[in-house]
Amino acid sequence: MDMDVDPSQPAQATPPSEAIDIPNPLGGAAPSKEKKGKKESAKVERPPGKSLLPTTKVQHIIKADKDITLIAKEATFLICCATEEFIKRFGEAAMALAERDKRSIVQYKDIATVVRKADEFLFLEEIIPWTLPEAPVKRKAKPSNIPAAAPTLLDQFVVKPADGAAEAIVNDDGTMQ
């Protein structure tokens, strides 16, 4: 092959595109009444030089650190790639635990177990507790023992029907009987 390379330009290494398995939410063909099998997973290809994570959001997270004043786009891209790889490995480890228990859904206990058992995720031990904190117990509503308010100026214009009393009958001309 004959390739024209300009020696004055720096060589750029393009990372190979990686295929990432993402379950197909539609599940392929129409659902049947037979036993459900595994859903097809669609492969999402990450184009070279692009990230699946929004770069602007990652930049905002980086800028939240007061110690970092300036960061190159290449560094942001590498942080995005490292984050994608972390999420992939963390998810695969949790999914392996769920499959070992013959489940297809990852539960919180799988994630907490991965954090405790795998050395590469041990730094998350403080962030992901072993057990979920219990939700606060809902209190029963206290009975409303609010005393009736003192009569106001408006109360003299409003007629409240007495218990067992008949309704007031109003004539066409506005007078009451």
C-alpha atoms as a PDB file:
ATOM      1  CA  MET A   1       0.000   0.000   0.000  1.00  0.00           C
ATOM      2  CA  ASP A   2       1.158   3.484  -0.778  1.00  0.00           C
ATOM      3  CA  MET A   3       0.222   5.932   1.967  1.00  0.00           C
ATOM      4  CA  ASP A   4       1.039   9.618   1.918  1.00  0.00           C
ATOM      5  CA  VAL A   5       2.196  10.667   5.365  1.00  0.00           C
ATOM      6  CA  ASP A   6       3.136  14.239   6.100  1.00  0.00           C
ATOM      7  CA  PRO A   7       6.137  14.118   8.470  1.00  0.00           C
ATOM      8  CA  SER A   8       5.357  17.611   9.772  1.00  0.00           C
ATOM      9  CA  GLN A   9       2.018  16.447  11.164  1.00  0.00           C
ATOM     10  CA  PRO A  10       2.079  14.426  14.403  1.00  0.00           C
ATOM     11  CA  ALA A  11       0.952  10.855  14.027  1.00  0.00           C
ATOM     12  CA  GLN A  12      -2.460  10.248  15.500  1.00  0.00           C
ATOM     13  CA  ALA A  13      -3.314   6.862  16.827  1.00  0.00           C
ATOM     14  CA  THR A  14      -6.969   6.098  16.400  1.00  0.00           C
ATOM     15  CA  PRO A  15      -8.255   3.642  18.944  1.00  0.00           C
ATOM     16  CA  PRO A  16     -10.056   0.673  17.446  1.00  0.00           C
ATOM     17  CA  SER A  17     -13.789   0.855  17.733  1.00  0.00           C
ATOM     18  CA  GLU A  18     -15.142  -1.334  20.465  1.00  0.00           C
ATOM     19  CA  ALA A  19     -18.394  -3.216  20.334  1.00  0.00           C
ATOM     20  CA  ILE A  20     -20.437  -3.020  23.510  1.00  0.00           C
ATOM     21  CA  ASP A  21     -23.337  -5.368  24.180  1.00  0.00           C
ATOM     22  CA  ILE A  22     -26.560  -3.605  25.067  1.00  0.00           C
ATOM     23  CA  PRO A  23     -29.753  -5.661  25.481  1.00  0.00           C
ATOM     24  CA  ASN A  24     -32.341  -5.025  22.804  1.00  0.00           C
ATOM     25  CA  PRO A  25     -35.363  -3.539  24.632  1.00  0.00           C
ATOM     26  CA  LEU A  26     -37.732  -4.739  21.914  1.00  0.00           C
ATOM     27  CA  GLY A  27     -36.507  -8.309  22.165  1.00  0.00           C
ATOM     28  CA  GLY A  28     -36.406  -8.924  18.407  1.00  0.00           C
ATOM     29  CA  ALA A  29     -39.513 -10.600  16.984  1.00  0.00           C
ATOM     30  CA  ALA A  30     -43.032 -10.453  18.333  1.00  0.00           C
ATOM     31  CA  PRO A  31     -43.417 -12.022  21.776  1.00  0.00           C
ATOM     32  CA  SER A  32     -44.683 -15.568  21.821  1.00  0.00           C
ATOM     33  CA  LYS A  33     -46.543 -17.417  24.541  1.00  0.00           C
ATOM     34  CA  GLU A  34     -43.675 -19.877  24.881  1.00  0.00           C
ATOM     35  CA  LYS A  35     -41.149 -19.760  27.669  1.00  0.00           C
ATOM     36  CA  LYS A  36     -39.146 -16.559  27.466  1.00  0.00           C
ATOM     37  CA  GLY A  37     -35.567 -17.000  26.390  1.00  0.00           C
ATOM     38  CA  LYS A  38     -32.677 -14.602  26.498  1.00  0.00           C
ATOM     39  CA  LYS A  39     -33.248 -11.371  24.652  1.00  0.00           C
ATOM     40  CA  GLU A  40     -31.040 -10.452  21.765  1.00  0.00           C
ATOM     41  CA  SER A  41     -28.426  -7.882  22.549  1.00  0.00           C
ATOM     42  CA  ALA A  42     -27.651  -5.153  20.089  1.00  0.00           C
ATOM     43  CA  LYS A  43     -24.007  -4.311  19.625  1.00  0.00           C
ATOM     44  CA  VAL A  44     -23.303  -0.618  19.884  1.00  0.00           C
ATOM     45  CA  GLU A  45     -20.093   0.417  18.191  1.00  0.00           C
ATOM     46  CA  ARG A  46     -18.237   3.322  19.641  1.00  0.00           C
ATOM     47  CA  PRO A  47     -16.846   5.351  16.758  1.00  0.00           C
ATOM     48  CA  PRO A  48     -13.112   6.055  17.014  1.00  0.00           C
ATOM     49  CA  GLY A  49     -12.414   9.243  18.923  1.00  0.00           C
ATOM     50  CA  LYS A  50     -15.933   9.442  20.380  1.00  0.00           C
ATOM     51  CA  SER A  51     -17.335   8.371  23.707  1.00  0.00           C
ATOM     52  CA  LEU A  52     -20.689   6.914  24.644  1.00  0.00           C
ATOM     53  CA  LEU A  53     -20.753   9.287  27.618  1.00  0.00           C
ATOM     54  CA  PRO A  54     -21.600  12.953  27.035  1.00  0.00           C
ATOM     55  CA  THR A  55     -18.263  14.754  26.982  1.00  0.00           C
ATOM     56  CA  THR A  56     -19.726  18.072  28.108  1.00  0.00           C
ATOM     57  CA  LYS A  57     -21.165  16.484  31.256  1.00  0.00           C
ATOM     58  CA  VAL A  58     -17.799  14.893  32.038  1.00  0.00           C
ATOM     59  CA  GLN A  59     -16.117  18.278  31.544  1.00  0.00           C
ATOM     60  CA  HIS A  60     -18.566  19.879  33.998  1.00  0.00           C
ATOM     61  CA  ILE A  61     -17.788  17.178  36.562  1.00  0.00           C
ATOM     62  CA  ILE A  62     -14.062  17.749  36.095  1.00  0.00           C
ATOM     63  CA  LYS A  63     -14.474  21.520  36.383  1.00  0.00           C
ATOM     64  CA  ALA A  64     -16.264  21.025  39.712  1.00  0.00           C
ATOM     65  CA  ASP A  65     -12.833  20.217  41.166  1.00  0.00           C
ATOM     66  CA  LYS A  66     -11.305  23.562  42.129  1.00  0.00           C
ATOM     67  CA  ASP A  67      -7.747  22.176  41.868  1.00  0.00           C
ATOM     68  CA  ILE A  68      -8.046  21.516  38.122  1.00  0.00           C
ATOM     69  CA  THR A  69      -7.984  24.746  36.168  1.00  0.00           C
ATOM     70  CA  LEU A  70      -7.497  23.501  32.610  1.00  0.00           C
ATOM     71  CA  ILE A  71      -7.888  20.081  31.026  1.00  0.00           C
ATOM     72  CA  ALA A  72      -7.203  18.978  27.460  1.00  0.00           C
ATOM     73  CA  LYS A  73      -9.919  17.410  25.322  1.00  0.00           C
ATOM     74  CA  GLU A  74      -7.802  14.278  24.959  1.00  0.00           C
ATOM     75  CA  ALA A  75      -7.664  13.905  28.740  1.00  0.00           C
ATOM     76  CA  THR A  76     -11.444  14.279  28.944  1.00  0.00           C
ATOM     77  CA  PHE A  77     -11.810  11.623  26.249  1.00  0.00           C
ATOM     78  CA  LEU A  78      -9.535   9.245  28.171  1.00  0.00           C
ATOM     79  CA  ILE A  79     -11.543   9.824  31.348  1.00  0.00           C
ATOM     80  CA  CYS A  80     -14.714   8.983  29.388  1.00  0.00           C
ATOM     81  CA  CYS A  81     -13.132   5.782  28.026  1.00  0.00           C
ATOM     82  CA  ALA A  82     -11.910   4.757  31.477  1.00  0.00           C
ATOM     83  CA  THR A  83     -15.380   5.391  32.918  1.00  0.00           C
ATOM     84  CA  GLU A  84     -16.982   3.269  30.187  1.00  0.00           C
ATOM     85  CA  GLU A  85     -14.555   0.432  30.942  1.00  0.00           C
ATOM     86  CA  PHE A  86     -15.226   0.725  34.695  1.00  0.00           C
ATOM     87  CA  ILE A  87     -18.994   0.571  34.181  1.00  0.00           C
ATOM     88  CA  LYS A  88     -18.596  -2.384  31.819  1.00  0.00           C
ATOM     89  CA  ARG A  89     -16.451  -4.396  34.258  1.00  0.00           C
ATOM     90  CA  PHE A  90     -18.608  -3.506  37.256  1.00  0.00           C
ATOM     91  CA  GLY A  91     -21.779  -4.500  35.419  1.00  0.00           C
ATOM     92  CA  GLU A  92     -20.275  -7.752  34.137  1.00  0.00           C
ATOM     93  CA  ALA A  93     -19.131  -8.741  37.633  1.00  0.00           C
ATOM     94  CA  ALA A  94     -22.570  -8.010  39.108  1.00  0.00           C
ATOM     95  CA  MET A  95     -24.280  -9.863  36.247  1.00  0.00           C
ATOM     96  CA  ALA A  96     -22.041 -12.897  36.828  1.00  0.00           C
ATOM     97  CA  LEU A  97     -23.224 -13.023  40.455  1.00  0.00           C
ATOM     98  CA  ALA A  98     -26.853 -12.747  39.386  1.00  0.00           C
ATOM     99  CA  GLU A  99     -26.409 -15.543  36.831  1.00  0.00           C
ATOM    100  CA  ARG A 100     -24.736 -17.714  39.471  1.00  0.00           C
ATOM    101  CA  ASP A 101     -27.975 -17.391  41.478  1.00  0.00           C
ATOM    102  CA  LYS A 102     -29.942 -18.182  38.273  1.00  0.00           C
ATOM    103  CA  ARG A 103     -31.379 -14.683  37.973  1.00  0.00           C
ATOM    104  CA  SER A 104     -31.429 -12.427  34.943  1.00  0.00           C
ATOM    105  CA  ILE A 105     -31.805  -9.170  36.878  1.00  0.00           C
ATOM    106  CA  VAL A 106     -28.992  -7.596  38.872  1.00  0.00           C
ATOM    107  CA  GLN A 107     -30.076  -6.702  42.395  1.00  0.00           C
ATOM    108  CA  TYR A 108     -28.515  -4.394  44.959  1.00  0.00           C
ATOM    109  CA  LYS A 109     -27.095  -7.335  46.878  1.00  0.00           C
ATOM    110  CA  ASP A 110     -25.138  -8.381  43.755  1.00  0.00           C
ATOM    111  CA  ILE A 111     -23.549  -4.951  43.480  1.00  0.00           C
ATOM    112  CA  ALA A 112     -22.734  -4.860  47.210  1.00  0.00           C
ATOM    113  CA  THR A 113     -21.194  -8.341  46.998  1.00  0.00           C
ATOM    114  CA  VAL A 114     -19.015  -7.346  44.038  1.00  0.00           C
ATOM    115  CA  VAL A 115     -17.758  -4.343  45.999  1.00  0.00           C
ATOM    116  CA  ARG A 116     -16.800  -6.559  48.966  1.00  0.00           C
ATOM    117  CA  LYS A 117     -15.306  -9.493  47.015  1.00  0.00           C
ATOM    118  CA  ALA A 118     -13.439  -7.921  44.070  1.00  0.00           C
ATOM    119  CA  ASP A 119     -10.277  -6.008  44.936  1.00  0.00           C
ATOM    120  CA  GLU A 120     -10.631  -3.612  42.002  1.00  0.00           C
ATOM    121  CA  PHE A 121     -13.958  -2.337  43.382  1.00  0.00           C
ATOM    122  CA  LEU A 122     -12.967  -2.234  47.046  1.00  0.00           C
ATOM    123  CA  PHE A 123     -12.652   1.570  46.942  1.00  0.00           C
ATOM    124  CA  LEU A 124     -16.464   1.727  46.655  1.00  0.00           C
ATOM    125  CA  GLU A 125     -16.917   0.091  50.058  1.00  0.00           C
ATOM    126  CA  GLU A 126     -17.753   3.379  51.793  1.00  0.00           C
ATOM    127  CA  ILE A 127     -20.089   4.517  49.020  1.00  0.00           C
ATOM    128  CA  ILE A 128     -22.091   1.299  48.606  1.00  0.00           C
ATOM    129  CA  PRO A 129     -23.033  -0.061  52.049  1.00  0.00           C
ATOM    130  CA  TRP A 130     -23.509  -3.781  52.568  1.00  0.00           C
ATOM    131  CA  THR A 131     -27.167  -3.331  53.441  1.00  0.00           C
ATOM    132  CA  LEU A 132     -29.557  -0.633  52.425  1.00  0.00           C
ATOM    133  CA  PRO A 133     -30.481   1.755  55.199  1.00  0.00           C
ATOM    134  CA  GLU A 134     -34.047   1.153  56.244  1.00  0.00           C
ATOM    135  CA  ALA A 135     -36.580   3.662  55.091  1.00  0.00           C
ATOM    136  CA  PRO A 136     -37.928   5.797  57.900  1.00  0.00           C
ATOM    137  CA  VAL A 137     -41.159   4.449  59.325  1.00  0.00           C
ATOM    138  CA  LYS A 138     -44.128   6.454  58.200  1.00  0.00           C
ATOM    139  CA  ARG A 139     -45.934   8.016  61.105  1.00  0.00           C
ATOM    140  CA  LYS A 140     -49.647   7.789  61.455  1.00  0.00           C
ATOM    141  CA  ALA A 141     -51.445  11.056  61.004  1.00  0.00           C
ATOM    142  CA  LYS A 142     -52.258  12.619  64.327  1.00  0.00           C
ATOM    143  CA  PRO A 143     -55.939  13.310  64.896  1.00  0.00           C
ATOM    144  CA  SER A 144     -56.728  16.914  64.266  1.00  0.00           C
ATOM    145  CA  ASN A 145     -57.692  18.486  67.581  1.00  0.00           C
ATOM    146  CA  ILE A 146     -57.507  22.029  66.343  1.00  0.00           C
ATOM    147  CA  PRO A 147     -59.920  24.225  68.294  1.00  0.00           C
ATOM    148  CA  ALA A 148     -62.431  26.186  66.283  1.00  0.00           C
ATOM    149  CA  ALA A 149     -61.171  29.609  65.410  1.00  0.00           C
ATOM    150  CA  ALA A 150     -62.690  32.643  67.030  1.00  0.00           C
ATOM    151  CA  PRO A 151     -65.522  34.211  65.063  1.00  0.00           C
ATOM    152  CA  THR A 152     -64.423  36.668  62.438  1.00  0.00           C
ATOM    153  CA  LEU A 153     -66.138  39.537  60.688  1.00  0.00           C
ATOM    154  CA  LEU A 154     -66.978  37.259  57.761  1.00  0.00           C
ATOM    155  CA  ASP A 155     -68.812  34.755  59.978  1.00  0.00           C
ATOM    156  CA  GLN A 156     -71.653  37.176  60.657  1.00  0.00           C
ATOM    157  CA  PHE A 157     -72.520  37.169  56.935  1.00  0.00           C
ATOM    158  CA  VAL A 158     -72.390  33.382  56.515  1.00  0.00           C
ATOM    159  CA  VAL A 159     -75.312  31.421  57.877  1.00  0.00           C
ATOM    160  CA  LYS A 160     -74.389  27.917  58.974  1.00  0.00           C
ATOM    161  CA  PRO A 161     -77.269  25.448  59.044  1.00  0.00           C
ATOM    162  CA  ALA A 162     -77.856  24.045  62.498  1.00  0.00           C
ATOM    163  CA  ASP A 163     -77.910  20.287  62.939  1.00  0.00           C
ATOM    164  CA  GLY A 164     -81.377  18.947  62.159  1.00  0.00           C
ATOM    165  CA  ALA A 165     -82.602  22.355  61.015  1.00  0.00           C
ATOM    166  CA  ALA A 166     -84.388  22.763  57.724  1.00  0.00           C
ATOM    167  CA  GLU A 167     -82.707  24.593  54.906  1.00  0.00           C
ATOM    168  CA  ALA A 168     -83.516  28.243  54.462  1.00  0.00           C
ATOM    169  CA  ILE A 169     -85.961  28.907  51.642  1.00  0.00           C
ATOM    170  CA  VAL A 170     -85.206  31.920  49.498  1.00  0.00           C
ATOM    171  CA  ASN A 171     -87.924  33.633  47.470  1.00  0.00           C
ATOM    172  CA  ASP A 172     -87.414  34.970  43.944  1.00  0.00           C
ATOM    173  CA  ASP A 173     -87.091  38.502  45.250  1.00  0.00           C
ATOM    174  CA  GLY A 174     -84.201  37.442  47.576  1.00  0.00           C
ATOM    175  CA  THR A 175     -86.158  37.408  50.833  1.00  0.00           C
ATOM    176  CA  MET A 176     -86.081  34.421  53.141  1.00  0.00           C
ATOM    177  CA  GLN A 177     -89.090  32.710  54.636  1.00  0.00           C
END
